[in-house]
Amino acid sequence: MKIAVGSVNYSLDSPASEIFGRSSAFIIADLDKDKIKSINVIENPAKNEFGAGNTAAQFIADHEVNVLISGKLGPVAFHILKNAGIKVYKARSGSVEKNLKRFIEGKLEEITSLSGGFPSQS
């Protein structure tokens, strides 16, 4: 299972990004059961573009990610991810590593709808 987390910087101890499309990088963890098998850090090619979230959503879908842990994202990006079959979970404050751990422990909330352009809690 591949899990992507938007990140402020390029390492597991970087803070999770609060805004999906403006993430500096996406850290993609490949999980085998509940263990991190490998980590891939990829610069977000859309971070400085207009409509960054939409482009970043397609970028994530192209990397065959199963789950995205994210801060705020717009409705078009959300629907691109949903149409690609990617589940989206709301990132909490803290590092990418802490958010991955919370996901493994079932402590993150899945985003199933948007409210006012931002993820609402389901």
Foldseek 3Di string as FASTA:
>chain_A
DKEKFQFCDFDQQGKTDQEQLQRQWIWIFDDDQLDGPDIDIGGQPQNPPVVSLLSSLVVCLVVVHAEYAYHWAFDNSVVSNVVSNHWYWYADTGGNNVRSNCVSVVNTFTFDDPDPGTTDGD
